Structure formats: C-alpha cells, structure tokens
Protein backbone atom coordinates (compact mmCIF):
# COMPACT_ATOMS: atom_id res chain seq x y z
CA MET A 1 36.70 11.25 -5.98
CA ALA A 2 39.49 8.95 -4.81
CA ASP A 3 38.67 9.67 -1.16
CA ARG A 4 34.99 8.92 -1.79
CA LEU A 5 35.83 5.60 -3.47
CA LYS A 6 38.19 4.72 -0.64
CA ALA A 7 35.46 5.42 1.92
CA VAL A 8 32.98 3.25 0.02
CA LEU A 9 35.43 0.36 -0.22
CA GLU A 10 36.19 0.64 3.49
CA THR A 11 32.48 0.54 4.32
CA VAL A 12 32.02 -2.54 2.14
CA ARG A 13 35.01 -4.24 3.75
CA SER A 14 33.86 -3.49 7.29
CA ARG A 15 30.32 -4.77 6.61
CA LEU A 16 31.70 -7.99 5.13
CA VAL A 17 34.01 -8.58 8.09
CA GLN A 18 31.60 -7.73 10.89
CA PRO A 19 28.63 -9.98 11.74
CA GLY A 20 25.30 -8.40 10.90
CA ALA A 21 22.57 -7.94 8.34
CA THR A 22 24.93 -7.50 5.39
CA ARG A 23 26.65 -10.84 5.89
CA ILE A 24 23.34 -12.58 6.51
CA GLY A 25 21.85 -11.25 3.28
CA LEU A 26 24.89 -11.97 1.14
CA ALA A 27 25.35 -15.48 2.57
CA LEU A 28 21.69 -16.24 1.87
CA ALA A 29 22.00 -14.89 -1.69
CA VAL A 30 25.07 -17.05 -2.42
CA GLY A 31 23.40 -20.12 -0.88
CA ILE A 32 20.27 -19.68 -3.01
CA ILE A 33 22.31 -19.24 -6.20
CA LEU A 34 24.25 -22.44 -5.49
CA LEU A 35 21.17 -24.47 -4.54
CA ASP A 36 19.23 -23.18 -7.54
CA GLN A 37 21.99 -23.91 -10.04
CA LEU A 38 22.76 -27.34 -8.57
CA SER A 39 19.08 -28.32 -8.77
CA LYS A 40 18.92 -27.20 -12.42
CA TRP A 41 22.14 -29.06 -13.26
CA TRP A 42 20.61 -32.20 -11.72
CA VAL A 43 17.42 -31.79 -13.76
CA LEU A 44 19.28 -31.21 -17.03
CA ASN A 45 22.24 -33.57 -16.67
CA THR A 46 21.15 -36.37 -14.33
CA LEU A 47 17.41 -36.65 -14.91
CA ARG A 48 17.79 -35.37 -18.50
CA LEU A 49 14.38 -33.76 -18.55
CA SER A 50 15.44 -31.62 -21.50
CA PRO A 51 16.82 -33.88 -24.24
CA GLU A 52 17.76 -32.58 -27.68
CA GLY A 53 14.93 -30.60 -29.24
CA CYS A 54 13.16 -29.66 -26.00
CA LEU A 55 14.61 -26.15 -25.71
CA ASP A 56 14.06 -25.45 -29.42
CA PHE A 57 10.44 -26.61 -29.15
CA GLN A 58 9.60 -24.42 -26.17
CA LEU A 59 11.33 -21.35 -27.59
CA ALA A 60 9.58 -21.73 -30.96
CA GLY A 61 6.43 -19.92 -31.95
CA GLU A 62 3.03 -21.60 -32.20
CA MET A 63 3.28 -22.14 -35.95
CA GLU A 64 6.70 -23.78 -35.66
CA ARG A 65 5.60 -25.99 -32.77
CA ALA A 66 2.89 -27.51 -34.94
CA VAL A 67 5.55 -29.35 -36.97
CA MET A 68 8.12 -29.96 -34.20
CA PRO A 69 8.26 -32.95 -31.81
CA ASN A 70 8.00 -32.11 -28.11
CA THR A 71 10.83 -34.07 -26.48
CA CYS A 72 10.55 -32.37 -23.07
CA ARG A 73 10.18 -34.95 -20.30
CA HIS A 74 7.88 -35.31 -17.30
CA ILE A 75 8.39 -37.50 -14.22
CA GLU A 76 5.36 -38.22 -12.06
CA ILE A 77 6.30 -38.24 -8.38
CA SER A 78 2.92 -38.19 -6.63
CA GLY A 79 -0.66 -37.10 -7.07
CA VAL A 80 0.22 -33.52 -6.13
CA PHE A 81 3.85 -33.08 -7.25
CA ASP A 82 5.69 -33.89 -10.47
CA LEU A 83 8.89 -32.88 -12.24
CA THR A 84 7.98 -31.26 -15.55
CA MET A 85 10.49 -29.64 -17.90
CA VAL A 86 9.50 -26.11 -18.89
CA TRP A 87 11.79 -23.51 -20.47
CA ASN A 88 10.45 -20.19 -19.21
CA LYS A 89 10.99 -17.14 -21.43
CA GLY A 90 9.56 -14.73 -18.84
CA VAL A 91 10.30 -13.83 -15.24
CA SER A 92 9.08 -15.72 -12.17
CA PHE A 93 6.18 -18.12 -12.87
CA GLY A 94 6.22 -17.25 -16.58
CA PHE A 95 5.15 -13.62 -16.37
CA LEU A 96 6.40 -11.05 -18.92
CA GLY A 97 7.52 -13.54 -21.55
CA ALA A 98 10.35 -12.41 -23.85
CA ASP A 99 10.31 -13.96 -27.30
CA THR A 100 13.11 -11.91 -28.86
CA LEU A 101 16.80 -11.40 -28.15
CA ILE A 102 16.14 -7.77 -27.21
CA GLY A 103 13.43 -8.88 -24.79
CA ARG A 104 15.75 -11.39 -23.13
CA VAL A 105 18.53 -8.80 -22.86
CA LEU A 106 16.09 -6.36 -21.25
CA LEU A 107 14.99 -9.01 -18.72
CA VAL A 108 18.61 -9.78 -17.86
CA ALA A 109 19.38 -6.07 -17.47
CA PHE A 110 16.27 -5.51 -15.34
CA SER A 111 17.12 -8.44 -13.04
CA LEU A 112 20.72 -7.26 -12.62
CA VAL A 113 19.61 -3.70 -11.87
CA VAL A 114 17.18 -4.93 -9.20
CA ALA A 115 19.86 -7.19 -7.69
CA GLY A 116 22.33 -4.30 -7.78
CA PHE A 117 20.00 -1.91 -5.96
CA LEU A 118 19.26 -4.53 -3.29
CA ALA A 119 22.96 -5.37 -2.88
CA ALA A 120 23.73 -1.67 -2.48
CA GLY A 121 21.02 -1.53 0.17
CA LEU A 122 22.69 -4.38 2.07
CA PHE A 123 25.85 -2.28 2.20
CA GLY A 124 23.98 0.82 3.34
CA TYR A 125 23.84 2.71 0.04
CA GLY A 126 21.07 3.90 -2.23
CA PRO A 127 17.35 4.32 -1.54
CA LEU A 128 16.87 0.74 -0.25
CA LYS A 129 19.14 0.70 2.81
CA THR A 130 18.60 -2.28 5.10
CA GLU A 131 17.96 -1.38 8.70
CA ARG A 132 16.60 -4.67 10.03
CA LYS A 133 17.56 -8.34 9.73
CA LEU A 134 14.24 -9.28 8.14
CA GLN A 135 14.98 -6.78 5.37
CA ALA A 136 18.42 -8.34 4.87
CA LEU A 137 16.88 -11.82 4.61
CA ALA A 138 14.36 -10.54 2.05
CA PHE A 139 17.02 -8.76 -0.01
CA GLY A 140 19.31 -11.78 0.05
CA MET A 141 16.55 -14.08 -1.18
CA ILE A 142 15.55 -11.77 -4.03
CA ILE A 143 19.19 -11.19 -5.07
CA GLY A 144 19.91 -14.93 -5.07
CA GLY A 145 16.75 -15.77 -7.00
CA ALA A 146 17.23 -13.01 -9.56
CA ILE A 147 20.84 -13.96 -10.29
CA GLY A 148 19.99 -17.67 -10.38
CA ASN A 149 17.52 -17.04 -13.19
CA VAL A 150 19.84 -14.58 -14.94
CA VAL A 151 22.48 -17.32 -15.22
CA ASP A 152 19.95 -19.53 -17.05
CA ARG A 153 18.88 -16.74 -19.36
CA ILE A 154 22.50 -15.98 -20.31
CA LEU A 155 23.43 -19.64 -20.83
CA PHE A 156 20.27 -20.92 -22.53
CA GLY A 157 18.08 -17.95 -23.48
CA ALA A 158 15.37 -19.19 -21.08
CA VAL A 159 14.97 -20.25 -17.45
CA VAL A 160 14.87 -23.88 -16.26
CA ASP A 161 11.56 -24.56 -14.50
CA PHE A 162 10.66 -28.03 -13.24
CA LEU A 163 8.71 -27.98 -9.95
CA ASN A 164 5.11 -28.83 -10.79
CA PHE A 165 2.38 -28.74 -8.11
CA SER A 166 -0.53 -28.80 -10.55
CA GLY A 167 -2.10 -31.55 -8.41
CA LEU A 168 -2.76 -28.80 -5.86
CA MET A 169 -4.46 -26.67 -8.55
CA PHE A 170 -1.34 -24.49 -8.84
CA PRO A 171 -0.99 -23.87 -12.59
CA TRP A 172 2.63 -22.67 -12.82
CA VAL A 173 5.83 -24.69 -13.09
CA PHE A 174 8.68 -22.98 -11.24
CA ASN A 175 12.15 -23.37 -9.70
CA ILE A 176 14.02 -22.64 -6.47
CA ALA A 177 14.99 -19.14 -7.62
CA ASP A 178 11.31 -18.30 -8.18
CA VAL A 179 10.49 -19.48 -4.66
CA ALA A 180 13.27 -17.33 -3.21
CA ILE A 181 12.11 -14.21 -5.09
CA ASN A 182 8.50 -14.58 -4.00
CA VAL A 183 9.33 -15.43 -0.39
CA GLY A 184 11.67 -12.42 -0.37
CA VAL A 185 8.88 -10.13 -1.58
CA GLY A 186 6.61 -11.59 1.09
CA LEU A 187 9.23 -10.88 3.77
CA ILE A 188 9.52 -7.28 2.61
CA ILE A 189 5.75 -6.86 3.00
CA LEU A 190 5.86 -8.54 6.42
CA ASP A 191 8.74 -6.29 7.51
CA MET A 192 6.80 -3.20 6.40
CA LEU A 193 3.73 -4.31 8.35
CA LEU A 194 5.75 -5.04 11.48
CA ASP A 195 7.55 -1.70 11.21
CA MET A 196 4.20 0.11 10.96
CA LYS A 197 3.06 -1.30 14.32
CA PRO A 198 2.97 1.39 17.00
CA LYS A 199 5.88 1.08 19.39
CA ALA A 200 5.10 0.43 23.02
CA PRO A 201 5.91 3.50 25.16
CA THR A 202 8.97 3.13 27.34
CA ASN A 203 8.98 4.10 30.98
CA SER A 204 11.32 6.97 31.67
C-alpha cells in the first residue's frame, strides 16, 4: 500500500514538473477559478447588484416572494447585453434547481466528484485519462467552472449569475464558470469527433 501511494505521488509530481497536458489543464482550471471569483466579487462588492434582501428573495418560494421586496439590481449596458443579478439554485444556466439544504449538498458533492474524476484523468488515473491536449483543455475548463460554482454554493447557498444576453433572445443569465463548463463539454465533443477521423496511411 505504501509503495502504491509513493508511486502515485511520484507520478503526480512528475506530471506537475514536466510541461504537458497535465500542467495545461491545471493552469487553465486555476485561471478560470480566479477569473470567475474575481468577476463575482466585483459584481457583489463593487457594483453591489445584490443588496440586502436580494439573496433571500431569490431563494424564497413563490408564496414568500409575493410579500417580499425584490432588491436585486439590473444595469443596462446595451441593447443586447446587461448585468442582471440572479442567484441560481441549480447547476449551469439554472438547470436542476435545488431548493433544500440536502439538494444543495448533493449538487456540491456531484460537482466535486466530477471535478475529481477529471483531475484524476489529467494525472493519468481513472477511466477518463487524458491522452491529447484538447482533452486537457476541456478537462481544465470543466474543473475550473465546476469549482468556481461550488465556492458560491458553499458560501451563499446559490450561484452568482449576472451575464444577461436576453437581447439576443438567449433566456438564461449565467457567469464565467458556466461558460467554461459548456465550452469544455463542447471541446470534449470536438476531440471525440477529431479522434474518430480515419488516420491517413503512412508510407512504409
């Protein structure tokens, strides 16, 4: 057991030290987490889009909302893009809403499990081993986005969403972490399609 653990730690160390897919994916994940959290801090503390009462209003049920003031703010930027404060109880773009503590805990656990599997894949372990740089980019984006939203859910019980492109007929309000997760999924699909292409025969 000790030898196995030592071998795993040595593999992790070597992949962190050497340039390659692992470092690319991890660096991208860390960068997304920082950018996502900085943007949310700016929205909450500089623009103050969520003054007192906003979080309580958006976490309340429909009956409670009927007698509560909605203090959440909205800043119009252009005809296609605005900043709109939305506390999201679900996952990316509001799907799978969790209205109870147990639901929120399950979403946090699910996000961490997904991030853990993808991180293991970056280091060459588990069923999701990365073999190509495009995979590493995809994994890094999904890890960063998932953890960025997990931080919100732990701190506030909901995720900070504020990017509003409803002027382009896009109905969801979202954040940088959501963008990273969805772009990462798109890159995984693209990588699978590229890997399915028949390889050109080589001249022997």
